Amino acid sequence: MGLAKRLTWLKAPWKTAKWLVAWSYSTWNLMRAGEITRLQMGCGKDIRPGWWNVDFIHFPGIDEIRDATIPWRHRNLQYVFAEHFIEHLSLHQGIQFLTHGGNALKQGGVIRISTPNLSNVIQKCYQLHGADLAQRLDQTVGMNCCFHGFGHQFLYSAEFMRFLLEELGFENVREYAFGESDDPNLRGLERHGPYKTQDGIPNIITFEGTRGAKPIGVTPKLAKWLDQYFDGDVYR
């Protein structure tokens, strides 16, 4: 419906005013989008100054509502950051997010991903031997909550996250402890704690990958590997 037609809503002028405010805010944000170099995907209520805060759901203060799994219009980002986001996507959607987010980076740009650690979940939540009945009941529910509670769809181990980032074409893939980075602009970003380690295994893994000269995407080698575990040519 056009602007002129909306202005004829004399019986409900507050609706026109509300629409004008929303339209102005949306248009202003779209104009600003070209100036943004730092994007936080899946921000939720964690709105950060100096970052383009994006989520699939409208939260107060958000800059843009977007599906992270479809192509991004950005092509000159220096940083993409996502904390406790990728585990809410299926593996296929996660790969789409990493692909489009990676291609939105300029050459030399960095993606930083922080997510629960599958290895820690297994270590903490399920004791193969020596558990009594009450423990086993609690562990069964606890393990399933880690996998499917809170909207989780796919949990990553450190080994798998590194493998995936490298196979998609990211360079200089590195794992960091909670809040740490060699880049001062990426230090202290994580807020979804508490961060703990048990026998050297952290409960949260954090990885960075750099965009090189080549596009980020699923290679035939990676597609063939993934096809072993999924029906059809989902990744081709």
C-alpha atoms as a PDB file:
ATOM      1  CA  MET A   1       0.000   0.000   0.000  1.00  0.00           C
ATOM      2  CA  GLY A   2       1.452   3.393  -1.011  1.00  0.00           C
ATOM      3  CA  LEU A   3       2.186   6.360   1.225  1.00  0.00           C
ATOM      4  CA  ALA A   4      -0.511   8.544  -0.345  1.00  0.00           C
ATOM      5  CA  LYS A   5      -3.224   5.973   0.290  1.00  0.00           C
ATOM      6  CA  ARG A   6      -2.132   5.519   3.891  1.00  0.00           C
ATOM      7  CA  LEU A   7      -2.406   9.281   4.475  1.00  0.00           C
ATOM      8  CA  THR A   8      -6.140   9.079   3.659  1.00  0.00           C
ATOM      9  CA  TRP A   9      -6.750   7.036   6.810  1.00  0.00           C
ATOM     10  CA  LEU A  10      -8.483   9.972   8.523  1.00  0.00           C
ATOM     11  CA  LYS A  11     -10.385   7.720  10.885  1.00  0.00           C
ATOM     12  CA  ALA A  12      -7.177   6.356  12.386  1.00  0.00           C
ATOM     13  CA  PRO A  13      -4.428   8.995  11.991  1.00  0.00           C
ATOM     14  CA  TRP A  14      -2.318   7.278  14.664  1.00  0.00           C
ATOM     15  CA  LYS A  15      -1.945   4.301  12.291  1.00  0.00           C
ATOM     16  CA  THR A  16      -0.511   6.573   9.619  1.00  0.00           C
ATOM     17  CA  ALA A  17       1.862   8.154  12.133  1.00  0.00           C
ATOM     18  CA  LYS A  18       2.973   4.749  13.375  1.00  0.00           C
ATOM     19  CA  TRP A  19       3.598   3.562   9.808  1.00  0.00           C
ATOM     20  CA  LEU A  20       5.571   6.752   8.976  1.00  0.00           C
ATOM     21  CA  VAL A  21       7.818   6.273  11.994  1.00  0.00           C
ATOM     22  CA  ALA A  22       8.456   2.612  11.114  1.00  0.00           C
ATOM     23  CA  TRP A  23       9.070   3.453   7.443  1.00  0.00           C
ATOM     24  CA  SER A  24      11.480   6.285   8.317  1.00  0.00           C
ATOM     25  CA  TYR A  25      13.386   4.100  10.762  1.00  0.00           C
ATOM     26  CA  SER A  26      13.636   1.249   8.258  1.00  0.00           C
ATOM     27  CA  THR A  27      14.745   3.562   5.438  1.00  0.00           C
ATOM     28  CA  TRP A  28      17.350   5.248   7.627  1.00  0.00           C
ATOM     29  CA  ASN A  29      18.772   1.900   8.668  1.00  0.00           C
ATOM     30  CA  LEU A  30      18.962   0.704   5.062  1.00  0.00           C
ATOM     31  CA  MET A  31      20.899   3.854   4.171  1.00  0.00           C
ATOM     32  CA  ARG A  32      23.237   3.307   7.099  1.00  0.00           C
ATOM     33  CA  ALA A  33      23.811  -0.334   6.134  1.00  0.00           C
ATOM     34  CA  GLY A  34      26.324   0.628   3.466  1.00  0.00           C
ATOM     35  CA  GLU A  35      28.489   2.346   6.081  1.00  0.00           C
ATOM     36  CA  ILE A  36      28.572  -0.578   8.491  1.00  0.00           C
ATOM     37  CA  THR A  37      31.798  -2.566   8.907  1.00  0.00           C
ATOM     38  CA  ARG A  38      30.869  -4.594  12.022  1.00  0.00           C
ATOM     39  CA  LEU A  39      27.832  -6.866  12.044  1.00  0.00           C
ATOM     40  CA  GLN A  40      26.479  -8.937  14.929  1.00  0.00           C
ATOM     41  CA  MET A  41      24.169 -11.709  13.736  1.00  0.00           C
ATOM     42  CA  GLY A  42      21.572 -13.188  16.082  1.00  0.00           C
ATOM     43  CA  CYS A  43      21.914 -10.284  18.519  1.00  0.00           C
ATOM     44  CA  GLY A  44      18.682 -10.894  20.414  1.00  0.00           C
ATOM     45  CA  LYS A  45      18.392  -8.205  23.091  1.00  0.00           C
ATOM     46  CA  ASP A  46      22.165  -7.676  23.162  1.00  0.00           C
ATOM     47  CA  ILE A  47      22.274  -4.422  21.175  1.00  0.00           C
ATOM     48  CA  ARG A  48      25.867  -3.203  20.792  1.00  0.00           C
ATOM     49  CA  PRO A  49      26.872   0.355  19.883  1.00  0.00           C
ATOM     50  CA  GLY A  50      29.128   0.501  16.842  1.00  0.00           C
ATOM     51  CA  TRP A  51      27.795  -2.799  15.485  1.00  0.00           C
ATOM     52  CA  TRP A  52      25.018  -3.479  12.981  1.00  0.00           C
ATOM     53  CA  ASN A  53      22.727  -5.598  15.178  1.00  0.00           C
ATOM     54  CA  VAL A  54      20.718  -8.168  13.224  1.00  0.00           C
ATOM     55  CA  ASP A  55      18.218 -10.846  14.211  1.00  0.00           C
ATOM     56  CA  PHE A  56      15.333 -12.774  12.703  1.00  0.00           C
ATOM     57  CA  ILE A  57      13.024 -11.389  15.419  1.00  0.00           C
ATOM     58  CA  HIS A  58      12.316  -7.743  16.130  1.00  0.00           C
ATOM     59  CA  PHE A  59      13.877  -6.677  19.408  1.00  0.00           C
ATOM     60  CA  PRO A  60      13.976  -3.095  20.739  1.00  0.00           C
ATOM     61  CA  GLY A  61      16.943  -1.235  19.284  1.00  0.00           C
ATOM     62  CA  ILE A  62      17.649  -3.767  16.536  1.00  0.00           C
ATOM     63  CA  ASP A  63      19.082  -2.378  13.281  1.00  0.00           C
ATOM     64  CA  GLU A  64      17.733  -4.967  10.878  1.00  0.00           C
ATOM     65  CA  ILE A  65      15.517  -8.039  10.749  1.00  0.00           C
ATOM     66  CA  ARG A  66      17.054 -10.607   8.427  1.00  0.00           C
ATOM     67  CA  ASP A  67      17.259 -14.320   7.707  1.00  0.00           C
ATOM     68  CA  ALA A  68      20.961 -15.128   8.055  1.00  0.00           C
ATOM     69  CA  THR A  69      20.693 -18.083   5.689  1.00  0.00           C
ATOM     70  CA  ILE A  70      19.961 -16.095   2.522  1.00  0.00           C
ATOM     71  CA  PRO A  71      22.500 -13.910   0.652  1.00  0.00           C
ATOM     72  CA  TRP A  72      23.545 -10.724   2.450  1.00  0.00           C
ATOM     73  CA  ARG A  73      23.727  -7.380   0.656  1.00  0.00           C
ATOM     74  CA  HIS A  74      26.927  -6.434   2.481  1.00  0.00           C
ATOM     75  CA  ARG A  75      30.240  -6.895   0.694  1.00  0.00           C
ATOM     76  CA  ASN A  76      32.653  -4.782   2.708  1.00  0.00           C
ATOM     77  CA  LEU A  77      32.383  -5.917   6.322  1.00  0.00           C
ATOM     78  CA  GLN A  78      35.474  -6.076   8.477  1.00  0.00           C
ATOM     79  CA  TYR A  79      33.899  -8.207  11.197  1.00  0.00           C
ATOM     80  CA  VAL A  80      31.001 -10.635  11.573  1.00  0.00           C
ATOM     81  CA  PHE A  81      30.263 -11.831  15.103  1.00  0.00           C
ATOM     82  CA  ALA A  82      27.739 -14.420  16.296  1.00  0.00           C
ATOM     83  CA  GLU A  83      27.524 -15.605  19.892  1.00  0.00           C
ATOM     84  CA  HIS A  84      25.303 -18.574  20.781  1.00  0.00           C
ATOM     85  CA  PHE A  85      23.556 -18.323  17.439  1.00  0.00           C
ATOM     86  CA  ILE A  86      24.778 -20.992  15.036  1.00  0.00           C
ATOM     87  CA  GLU A  87      23.625 -23.844  17.295  1.00  0.00           C
ATOM     88  CA  HIS A  88      20.030 -22.631  16.765  1.00  0.00           C
ATOM     89  CA  LEU A  89      20.332 -23.467  13.065  1.00  0.00           C
ATOM     90  CA  SER A  90      20.339 -26.847  11.383  1.00  0.00           C
ATOM     91  CA  LEU A  91      23.712 -27.875   9.976  1.00  0.00           C
ATOM     92  CA  HIS A  92      22.522 -26.950   6.486  1.00  0.00           C
ATOM     93  CA  GLN A  93      21.377 -23.520   7.692  1.00  0.00           C
ATOM     94  CA  GLY A  94      24.603 -23.066   9.644  1.00  0.00           C
ATOM     95  CA  ILE A  95      26.614 -23.679   6.480  1.00  0.00           C
ATOM     96  CA  GLN A  96      24.461 -21.148   4.617  1.00  0.00           C
ATOM     97  CA  PHE A  97      25.026 -18.591   7.383  1.00  0.00           C
ATOM     98  CA  LEU A  98      28.800 -19.114   7.335  1.00  0.00           C
ATOM     99  CA  THR A  99      28.838 -18.932   3.538  1.00  0.00           C
ATOM    100  CA  HIS A 100      26.832 -15.721   3.216  1.00  0.00           C
ATOM    101  CA  GLY A 101      28.461 -14.129   6.265  1.00  0.00           C
ATOM    102  CA  GLY A 102      31.901 -14.998   4.929  1.00  0.00           C
ATOM    103  CA  ASN A 103      31.161 -13.562   1.508  1.00  0.00           C
ATOM    104  CA  ALA A 104      29.891 -10.354   3.130  1.00  0.00           C
ATOM    105  CA  LEU A 105      33.397  -9.802   4.515  1.00  0.00           C
ATOM    106  CA  LYS A 106      35.977  -7.852   2.575  1.00  0.00           C
ATOM    107  CA  GLN A 107      39.295  -9.599   1.939  1.00  0.00           C
ATOM    108  CA  GLY A 108      41.057  -9.797   5.271  1.00  0.00           C
ATOM    109  CA  GLY A 109      37.781  -9.497   7.192  1.00  0.00           C
ATOM    110  CA  VAL A 110      37.168 -11.835  10.128  1.00  0.00           C
ATOM    111  CA  ILE A 111      34.210 -13.921  11.263  1.00  0.00           C
ATOM    112  CA  ARG A 112      34.059 -14.833  14.970  1.00  0.00           C
ATOM    113  CA  ILE A 113      31.786 -17.649  16.145  1.00  0.00           C
ATOM    114  CA  SER A 114      31.099 -18.573  19.770  1.00  0.00           C
ATOM    115  CA  THR A 115      28.954 -21.622  20.523  1.00  0.00           C
ATOM    116  CA  PRO A 116      28.452 -24.414  23.100  1.00  0.00           C
ATOM    117  CA  ASN A 117      31.014 -27.202  22.914  1.00  0.00           C
ATOM    118  CA  LEU A 118      29.663 -30.662  22.084  1.00  0.00           C
ATOM    119  CA  SER A 119      32.641 -32.339  23.775  1.00  0.00           C
ATOM    120  CA  ASN A 120      31.871 -30.605  27.055  1.00  0.00           C
ATOM    121  CA  VAL A 121      28.187 -31.542  26.829  1.00  0.00           C
ATOM    122  CA  ILE A 122      29.091 -35.222  26.498  1.00  0.00           C
ATOM    123  CA  GLN A 123      31.685 -34.998  29.262  1.00  0.00           C
ATOM    124  CA  LYS A 124      29.395 -33.174  31.688  1.00  0.00           C
ATOM    125  CA  CYS A 125      25.965 -34.569  30.931  1.00  0.00           C
ATOM    126  CA  TYR A 126      26.328 -38.294  30.547  1.00  0.00           C
ATOM    127  CA  GLN A 127      28.307 -40.726  32.660  1.00  0.00           C
ATOM    128  CA  LEU A 128      28.614 -44.052  30.885  1.00  0.00           C
ATOM    129  CA  HIS A 129      29.516 -46.059  33.981  1.00  0.00           C
ATOM    130  CA  GLY A 130      28.753 -45.804  37.676  1.00  0.00           C
ATOM    131  CA  ALA A 131      25.559 -43.721  37.541  1.00  0.00           C
ATOM    132  CA  ASP A 132      22.614 -44.727  39.711  1.00  0.00           C
ATOM    133  CA  LEU A 133      19.014 -44.587  38.487  1.00  0.00           C
ATOM    134  CA  ALA A 134      18.353 -41.007  39.633  1.00  0.00           C
ATOM    135  CA  GLN A 135      21.560 -39.808  37.957  1.00  0.00           C
ATOM    136  CA  ARG A 136      20.747 -41.646  34.761  1.00  0.00           C
ATOM    137  CA  LEU A 137      17.276 -40.079  34.607  1.00  0.00           C
ATOM    138  CA  ASP A 138      18.705 -36.598  35.181  1.00  0.00           C
ATOM    139  CA  GLN A 139      21.489 -37.167  32.638  1.00  0.00           C
ATOM    140  CA  THR A 140      19.092 -38.380  29.984  1.00  0.00           C
ATOM    141  CA  VAL A 141      16.935 -35.268  30.275  1.00  0.00           C
ATOM    142  CA  GLY A 142      19.972 -32.998  30.623  1.00  0.00           C
ATOM    143  CA  MET A 143      21.636 -34.373  27.504  1.00  0.00           C
ATOM    144  CA  ASN A 144      18.493 -33.918  25.438  1.00  0.00           C
ATOM    145  CA  CYS A 145      18.039 -30.373  26.763  1.00  0.00           C
ATOM    146  CA  CYS A 146      21.555 -29.501  25.595  1.00  0.00           C
ATOM    147  CA  PHE A 147      20.760 -30.784  22.122  1.00  0.00           C
ATOM    148  CA  HIS A 148      17.168 -29.687  21.675  1.00  0.00           C
ATOM    149  CA  GLY A 149      16.361 -27.302  24.510  1.00  0.00           C
ATOM    150  CA  PHE A 150      16.457 -23.532  24.053  1.00  0.00           C
ATOM    151  CA  GLY A 151      15.878 -23.988  20.327  1.00  0.00           C
ATOM    152  CA  HIS A 152      19.184 -25.755  19.695  1.00  0.00           C
ATOM    153  CA  GLN A 153      19.407 -27.800  16.490  1.00  0.00           C
ATOM    154  CA  PHE A 154      23.059 -28.735  15.964  1.00  0.00           C
ATOM    155  CA  LEU A 155      25.995 -28.714  18.389  1.00  0.00           C
ATOM    156  CA  TYR A 156      29.598 -28.352  17.251  1.00  0.00           C
ATOM    157  CA  SER A 157      32.818 -29.846  18.541  1.00  0.00           C
ATOM    158  CA  ALA A 158      35.997 -27.801  18.205  1.00  0.00           C
ATOM    159  CA  GLU A 159      37.306 -30.274  15.657  1.00  0.00           C
ATOM    160  CA  PHE A 160      34.182 -30.032  13.511  1.00  0.00           C
ATOM    161  CA  MET A 161      34.003 -26.239  13.657  1.00  0.00           C
ATOM    162  CA  ARG A 162      37.627 -25.952  12.520  1.00  0.00           C
ATOM    163  CA  PHE A 163      37.035 -28.519   9.771  1.00  0.00           C
ATOM    164  CA  LEU A 164      33.955 -26.716   8.507  1.00  0.00           C
ATOM    165  CA  LEU A 165      35.488 -23.234   8.488  1.00  0.00           C
ATOM    166  CA  GLU A 166      38.584 -24.439   6.677  1.00  0.00           C
ATOM    167  CA  GLU A 167      36.640 -26.490   4.141  1.00  0.00           C
ATOM    168  CA  LEU A 168      34.399 -23.521   3.375  1.00  0.00           C
ATOM    169  CA  GLY A 169      37.489 -21.524   2.498  1.00  0.00           C
ATOM    170  CA  PHE A 170      38.261 -19.416   5.560  1.00  0.00           C
ATOM    171  CA  GLU A 171      41.945 -18.812   6.160  1.00  0.00           C
ATOM    172  CA  ASN A 172      43.955 -18.543   9.383  1.00  0.00           C
ATOM    173  CA  VAL A 173      41.286 -20.419  11.361  1.00  0.00           C
ATOM    174  CA  ARG A 174      42.087 -20.171  15.061  1.00  0.00           C
ATOM    175  CA  GLU A 175      40.439 -21.180  18.322  1.00  0.00           C
ATOM    176  CA  TYR A 176      40.415 -18.756  21.247  1.00  0.00           C
ATOM    177  CA  ALA A 177      39.430 -18.854  24.874  1.00  0.00           C
ATOM    178  CA  PHE A 178      36.324 -16.980  25.975  1.00  0.00           C
ATOM    179  CA  GLY A 179      36.694 -13.272  25.203  1.00  0.00           C
ATOM    180  CA  GLU A 180      40.246 -13.549  23.900  1.00  0.00           C
ATOM    181  CA  SER A 181      41.584 -12.596  20.474  1.00  0.00           C
ATOM    182  CA  ASP A 182      44.744 -11.369  18.807  1.00  0.00           C
ATOM    183  CA  ASP A 183      42.627  -8.553  17.360  1.00  0.00           C
ATOM    184  CA  PRO A 184      41.837  -5.946  20.054  1.00  0.00           C
ATOM    185  CA  ASN A 185      38.545  -5.166  18.296  1.00  0.00           C
ATOM    186  CA  LEU A 186      37.366  -8.731  18.938  1.00  0.00           C
ATOM    187  CA  ARG A 187      38.405  -9.070  22.563  1.00  0.00           C
ATOM    188  CA  GLY A 188      35.821  -9.185  25.316  1.00  0.00           C
ATOM    189  CA  LEU A 189      32.867  -9.662  22.977  1.00  0.00           C
ATOM    190  CA  GLU A 190      31.438 -12.803  24.568  1.00  0.00           C
ATOM    191  CA  ARG A 191      28.815 -12.236  27.249  1.00  0.00           C
ATOM    192  CA  HIS A 192      26.935 -15.539  27.212  1.00  0.00           C
ATOM    193  CA  GLY A 193      28.696 -17.228  30.121  1.00  0.00           C
ATOM    194  CA  PRO A 194      29.733 -18.410  32.523  1.00  0.00           C
ATOM    195  CA  TYR A 195      32.808 -19.832  30.813  1.00  0.00           C
ATOM    196  CA  LYS A 196      34.125 -23.027  32.416  1.00  0.00           C
ATOM    197  CA  THR A 197      36.617 -25.746  31.605  1.00  0.00           C
ATOM    198  CA  GLN A 198      36.739 -29.320  32.869  1.00  0.00           C
ATOM    199  CA  ASP A 199      39.860 -31.381  32.318  1.00  0.00           C
ATOM    200  CA  GLY A 200      40.945 -28.858  29.727  1.00  0.00           C
ATOM    201  CA  ILE A 201      37.669 -29.021  27.777  1.00  0.00           C
ATOM    202  CA  PRO A 202      35.802 -25.668  27.614  1.00  0.00           C
ATOM    203  CA  ASN A 203      32.035 -25.453  27.723  1.00  0.00           C
ATOM    204  CA  ILE A 204      32.116 -22.773  24.995  1.00  0.00           C
ATOM    205  CA  ILE A 205      34.261 -22.803  21.853  1.00  0.00           C
ATOM    206  CA  THR A 206      35.203 -19.638  19.992  1.00  0.00           C
ATOM    207  CA  PHE A 207      36.704 -19.574  16.516  1.00  0.00           C
ATOM    208  CA  GLU A 208      37.853 -16.909  14.096  1.00  0.00           C
ATOM    209  CA  GLY A 209      38.353 -17.279  10.358  1.00  0.00           C
ATOM    210  CA  THR A 210      39.653 -14.779   7.822  1.00  0.00           C
ATOM    211  CA  ARG A 211      38.183 -14.119   4.380  1.00  0.00           C
ATOM    212  CA  GLY A 212      40.814 -14.680   1.708  1.00  0.00           C
ATOM    213  CA  ALA A 213      40.788 -13.827  -1.984  1.00  0.00           C
ATOM    214  CA  LYS A 214      38.511 -16.740  -2.911  1.00  0.00           C
ATOM    215  CA  PRO A 215      34.734 -16.821  -2.282  1.00  0.00           C
ATOM    216  CA  ILE A 216      33.468 -18.742   0.723  1.00  0.00           C
ATOM    217  CA  GLY A 217      31.341 -21.745  -0.152  1.00  0.00           C
ATOM    218  CA  VAL A 218      30.743 -25.475  -0.177  1.00  0.00           C
ATOM    219  CA  THR A 219      33.343 -27.180  -2.345  1.00  0.00           C
ATOM    220  CA  PRO A 220      32.622 -30.441  -4.223  1.00  0.00           C
ATOM    221  CA  LYS A 221      34.878 -32.180  -1.697  1.00  0.00           C
ATOM    222  CA  LEU A 222      32.868 -30.886   1.273  1.00  0.00           C
ATOM    223  CA  ALA A 223      29.553 -31.606  -0.466  1.00  0.00           C
ATOM    224  CA  LYS A 224      30.594 -35.192  -1.109  1.00  0.00           C
ATOM    225  CA  TRP A 225      31.653 -35.609   2.518  1.00  0.00           C
ATOM    226  CA  LEU A 226      28.350 -34.220   3.809  1.00  0.00           C
ATOM    227  CA  ASP A 227      26.351 -36.370   1.395  1.00  0.00           C
ATOM    228  CA  GLN A 228      27.547 -39.415   3.327  1.00  0.00           C
ATOM    229  CA  TYR A 229      25.364 -38.355   6.245  1.00  0.00           C
ATOM    230  CA  PHE A 230      22.336 -36.809   4.563  1.00  0.00           C
ATOM    231  CA  ASP A 231      19.886 -38.036   1.982  1.00  0.00           C
ATOM    232  CA  GLY A 232      19.914 -36.351  -1.401  1.00  0.00           C
ATOM    233  CA  ASP A 233      22.160 -33.649  -2.747  1.00  0.00           C
ATOM    234  CA  VAL A 234      21.377 -31.115  -0.040  1.00  0.00           C
ATOM    235  CA  TYR A 235      24.799 -29.508  -0.175  1.00  0.00           C
ATOM    236  CA  ARG A 236      25.339 -29.613  -3.908  1.00  0.00           C
END
